[in-house]
């Protein structure tokens, strides 16, 4: 069984406990179910730059406001 890359970095942590630490998505999701994360913690997926935050006991995607490039036919 292959190892999953720890490529989600804590970008912002109100408690400053996990700042700049790396986690796998599996660990982030399980810890969210367990209520480990402080409210407002933000994770960023390093390869894709996607972000999510933990708010009121749930992980939520963060909308960056970046527009998709226009594709011409």
N, C-alpha and C. Protein backbone atom coordinates (compact mmCIF):
# COMPACT_ATOMS: atom_id res chain seq x y z
N UNK A 1 0.84 -1.18 0.00
CA UNK A 1 0.00 0.00 0.00
C UNK A 1 0.88 1.24 0.00
N UNK A 2 0.58 2.18 -0.91
CA UNK A 2 1.41 3.38 -1.04
C UNK A 2 1.12 4.40 0.04
N UNK A 3 2.08 5.23 0.27
CA UNK A 3 1.94 6.28 1.27
C UNK A 3 1.35 7.53 0.62
N UNK A 4 0.44 8.17 1.30
CA UNK A 4 -0.18 9.39 0.82
C UNK A 4 0.72 10.58 1.19
N UNK A 5 0.89 11.48 0.23
CA UNK A 5 1.75 12.65 0.46
C UNK A 5 1.10 13.63 1.43
N UNK A 6 1.92 14.16 2.32
CA UNK A 6 1.47 15.20 3.25
C UNK A 6 1.70 16.53 2.55
N UNK A 7 0.74 16.92 1.71
CA UNK A 7 0.94 18.11 0.90
C UNK A 7 -0.08 19.21 1.18
N UNK A 8 -0.73 19.14 2.34
CA UNK A 8 -1.62 20.22 2.80
C UNK A 8 -0.90 20.94 3.93
N UNK A 9 -0.65 22.23 3.74
CA UNK A 9 0.05 23.02 4.76
C UNK A 9 -0.94 23.92 5.49
N UNK A 10 -0.70 24.10 6.77
CA UNK A 10 -1.53 25.01 7.55
C UNK A 10 -1.06 26.42 7.23
N UNK A 11 -1.93 27.14 6.55
CA UNK A 11 -1.61 28.48 6.11
C UNK A 11 -1.91 29.51 7.20
N UNK A 12 -2.98 29.26 7.95
CA UNK A 12 -3.36 30.19 9.03
C UNK A 12 -3.94 29.38 10.17
N UNK A 13 -3.51 29.67 11.38
CA UNK A 13 -4.00 28.98 12.57
C UNK A 13 -4.16 29.99 13.70
N UNK A 14 -5.41 30.28 14.07
CA UNK A 14 -5.64 31.26 15.15
C UNK A 14 -4.96 30.87 16.46
N UNK A 15 -4.79 29.58 16.71
CA UNK A 15 -4.16 29.15 17.96
C UNK A 15 -2.64 29.11 17.85
N UNK A 16 -2.12 29.18 16.62
CA UNK A 16 -0.68 29.10 16.32
C UNK A 16 -0.06 27.78 16.76
N UNK A 17 -0.87 26.75 16.92
CA UNK A 17 -0.38 25.43 17.31
C UNK A 17 0.13 24.64 16.11
N UNK A 18 -0.54 24.78 14.97
CA UNK A 18 -0.25 23.95 13.80
C UNK A 18 0.34 24.74 12.63
N UNK A 19 0.61 26.01 12.81
CA UNK A 19 1.09 26.87 11.73
C UNK A 19 2.29 26.25 11.00
N UNK A 20 2.17 26.22 9.65
CA UNK A 20 3.22 25.75 8.74
C UNK A 20 3.46 24.24 8.82
N UNK A 21 2.61 23.49 9.52
CA UNK A 21 2.77 22.03 9.55
C UNK A 21 2.08 21.40 8.35
N UNK A 22 2.58 20.25 7.93
CA UNK A 22 2.03 19.52 6.79
C UNK A 22 1.18 18.36 7.25
N UNK A 23 0.07 18.13 6.52
CA UNK A 23 -0.84 17.03 6.83
C UNK A 23 -1.33 16.39 5.54
N UNK A 24 -1.78 15.15 5.66
CA UNK A 24 -2.47 14.51 4.55
C UNK A 24 -3.94 14.89 4.62
N UNK A 25 -4.63 14.77 3.50
CA UNK A 25 -6.06 15.08 3.48
C UNK A 25 -6.83 14.13 4.39
N UNK A 26 -6.41 12.88 4.44
CA UNK A 26 -7.06 11.91 5.32
C UNK A 26 -6.96 12.34 6.78
N UNK A 27 -5.80 12.78 7.19
CA UNK A 27 -5.60 13.24 8.57
C UNK A 27 -6.43 14.49 8.86
N UNK A 28 -6.49 15.40 7.91
CA UNK A 28 -7.27 16.62 8.09
C UNK A 28 -8.74 16.29 8.29
N UNK A 29 -9.26 15.40 7.44
CA UNK A 29 -10.68 15.04 7.53
C UNK A 29 -11.00 14.30 8.82
N UNK A 30 -10.14 13.35 9.22
CA UNK A 30 -10.38 12.61 10.46
C UNK A 30 -10.30 13.53 11.67
N UNK A 31 -9.33 14.42 11.69
CA UNK A 31 -9.19 15.35 12.80
C UNK A 31 -10.36 16.32 12.86
N UNK A 32 -10.92 16.67 11.70
CA UNK A 32 -12.12 17.52 11.68
C UNK A 32 -13.29 16.77 12.32
N UNK A 33 -13.46 15.49 12.00
CA UNK A 33 -14.53 14.70 12.62
C UNK A 33 -14.34 14.59 14.12
N UNK A 34 -13.08 14.53 14.54
CA UNK A 34 -12.76 14.42 15.97
C UNK A 34 -12.78 15.76 16.70
N UNK A 35 -12.94 16.85 15.95
CA UNK A 35 -13.00 18.18 16.57
C UNK A 35 -11.66 18.69 17.06
N UNK A 36 -10.58 18.29 16.40
CA UNK A 36 -9.23 18.68 16.83
C UNK A 36 -8.88 20.11 16.45
N UNK A 37 -9.33 20.55 15.27
CA UNK A 37 -8.87 21.83 14.73
C UNK A 37 -9.52 23.02 15.42
N UNK A 38 -8.76 24.10 15.58
CA UNK A 38 -9.36 25.33 16.09
C UNK A 38 -10.20 25.98 14.99
N UNK A 39 -11.26 26.64 15.38
CA UNK A 39 -12.13 27.31 14.43
C UNK A 39 -11.33 28.36 13.67
N UNK A 40 -11.42 28.33 12.34
CA UNK A 40 -10.73 29.31 11.51
C UNK A 40 -9.41 28.84 10.94
N UNK A 41 -8.97 27.63 11.28
CA UNK A 41 -7.71 27.13 10.72
C UNK A 41 -7.89 26.97 9.21
N UNK A 42 -6.85 27.32 8.45
CA UNK A 42 -6.92 27.24 6.99
C UNK A 42 -5.78 26.38 6.47
N UNK A 43 -6.15 25.47 5.57
CA UNK A 43 -5.20 24.56 4.94
C UNK A 43 -5.08 24.90 3.46
N UNK A 44 -3.86 24.73 2.91
CA UNK A 44 -3.68 24.94 1.48
C UNK A 44 -2.98 23.73 0.89
N UNK A 45 -3.54 23.22 -0.20
CA UNK A 45 -2.94 22.10 -0.93
C UNK A 45 -1.83 22.67 -1.80
N UNK A 46 -0.60 22.31 -1.51
CA UNK A 46 0.54 22.94 -2.16
C UNK A 46 0.55 22.77 -3.68
N UNK A 47 0.31 21.56 -4.22
CA UNK A 47 0.36 21.44 -5.69
C UNK A 47 -0.73 22.23 -6.43
N UNK A 48 -1.96 22.21 -5.93
CA UNK A 48 -3.06 22.83 -6.65
C UNK A 48 -3.41 24.23 -6.15
N UNK A 49 -2.93 24.63 -4.98
CA UNK A 49 -3.22 25.90 -4.33
C UNK A 49 -4.66 26.00 -3.81
N UNK A 50 -5.42 24.89 -3.86
CA UNK A 50 -6.77 24.88 -3.29
C UNK A 50 -6.66 25.11 -1.80
N UNK A 51 -7.71 25.72 -1.22
CA UNK A 51 -7.70 25.97 0.21
C UNK A 51 -9.02 25.51 0.82
N UNK A 52 -8.95 25.17 2.10
CA UNK A 52 -10.16 24.88 2.86
C UNK A 52 -9.92 25.34 4.29
N UNK A 53 -11.03 25.63 4.95
CA UNK A 53 -10.97 26.12 6.31
C UNK A 53 -11.93 25.32 7.18
N UNK A 54 -11.63 25.27 8.46
CA UNK A 54 -12.46 24.56 9.43
C UNK A 54 -13.26 25.61 10.19
N UNK A 55 -14.60 25.58 10.00
CA UNK A 55 -15.47 26.56 10.62
C UNK A 55 -16.67 25.86 11.24
N UNK A 56 -16.92 26.12 12.50
CA UNK A 56 -18.07 25.57 13.21
C UNK A 56 -18.17 24.05 13.05
N UNK A 57 -17.03 23.38 13.16
CA UNK A 57 -17.01 21.92 13.14
C UNK A 57 -17.03 21.27 11.78
N UNK A 58 -16.87 22.06 10.71
CA UNK A 58 -16.90 21.50 9.36
C UNK A 58 -15.79 22.08 8.49
N UNK A 59 -15.26 21.24 7.60
CA UNK A 59 -14.30 21.71 6.61
C UNK A 59 -15.08 22.32 5.45
N UNK A 60 -14.65 23.49 5.02
CA UNK A 60 -15.33 24.18 3.93
C UNK A 60 -14.31 24.67 2.92
N UNK A 61 -14.64 24.55 1.62
CA UNK A 61 -13.71 25.09 0.61
C UNK A 61 -13.65 26.60 0.71
N UNK A 62 -12.51 27.15 0.37
CA UNK A 62 -12.32 28.60 0.37
C UNK A 62 -12.33 29.06 -1.08
N UNK A 63 -13.20 30.00 -1.37
CA UNK A 63 -13.25 30.57 -2.72
C UNK A 63 -12.21 31.66 -2.80
N UNK A 64 -11.32 31.51 -3.78
CA UNK A 64 -10.21 32.46 -3.90
C UNK A 64 -10.55 33.66 -4.75
N UNK A 65 -11.62 33.60 -5.52
CA UNK A 65 -11.98 34.72 -6.36
C UNK A 65 -11.20 34.77 -7.66
N UNK A 66 -10.34 33.77 -7.87
CA UNK A 66 -9.58 33.72 -9.12
C UNK A 66 -10.52 33.31 -10.24
N UNK A 67 -10.38 33.97 -11.36
CA UNK A 67 -11.22 33.64 -12.50
C UNK A 67 -10.52 32.60 -13.37
N UNK A 68 -11.33 31.73 -13.94
CA UNK A 68 -10.78 30.74 -14.86
C UNK A 68 -10.43 31.40 -16.18
N UNK A 69 -9.38 30.92 -16.85
CA UNK A 69 -9.02 31.50 -18.13
C UNK A 69 -10.11 31.24 -19.17
N UNK A 70 -10.32 32.19 -20.06
CA UNK A 70 -11.31 32.04 -21.11
C UNK A 70 -10.75 31.11 -22.18
N UNK A 71 -11.55 30.14 -22.56
CA UNK A 71 -11.12 29.21 -23.61
C UNK A 71 -11.87 29.55 -24.89
N UNK A 72 -11.13 29.73 -25.94
CA UNK A 72 -11.72 30.08 -27.24
C UNK A 72 -11.87 28.83 -28.08
N UNK A 73 -12.97 28.79 -28.83
CA UNK A 73 -13.25 27.63 -29.67
C UNK A 73 -12.43 27.63 -30.91
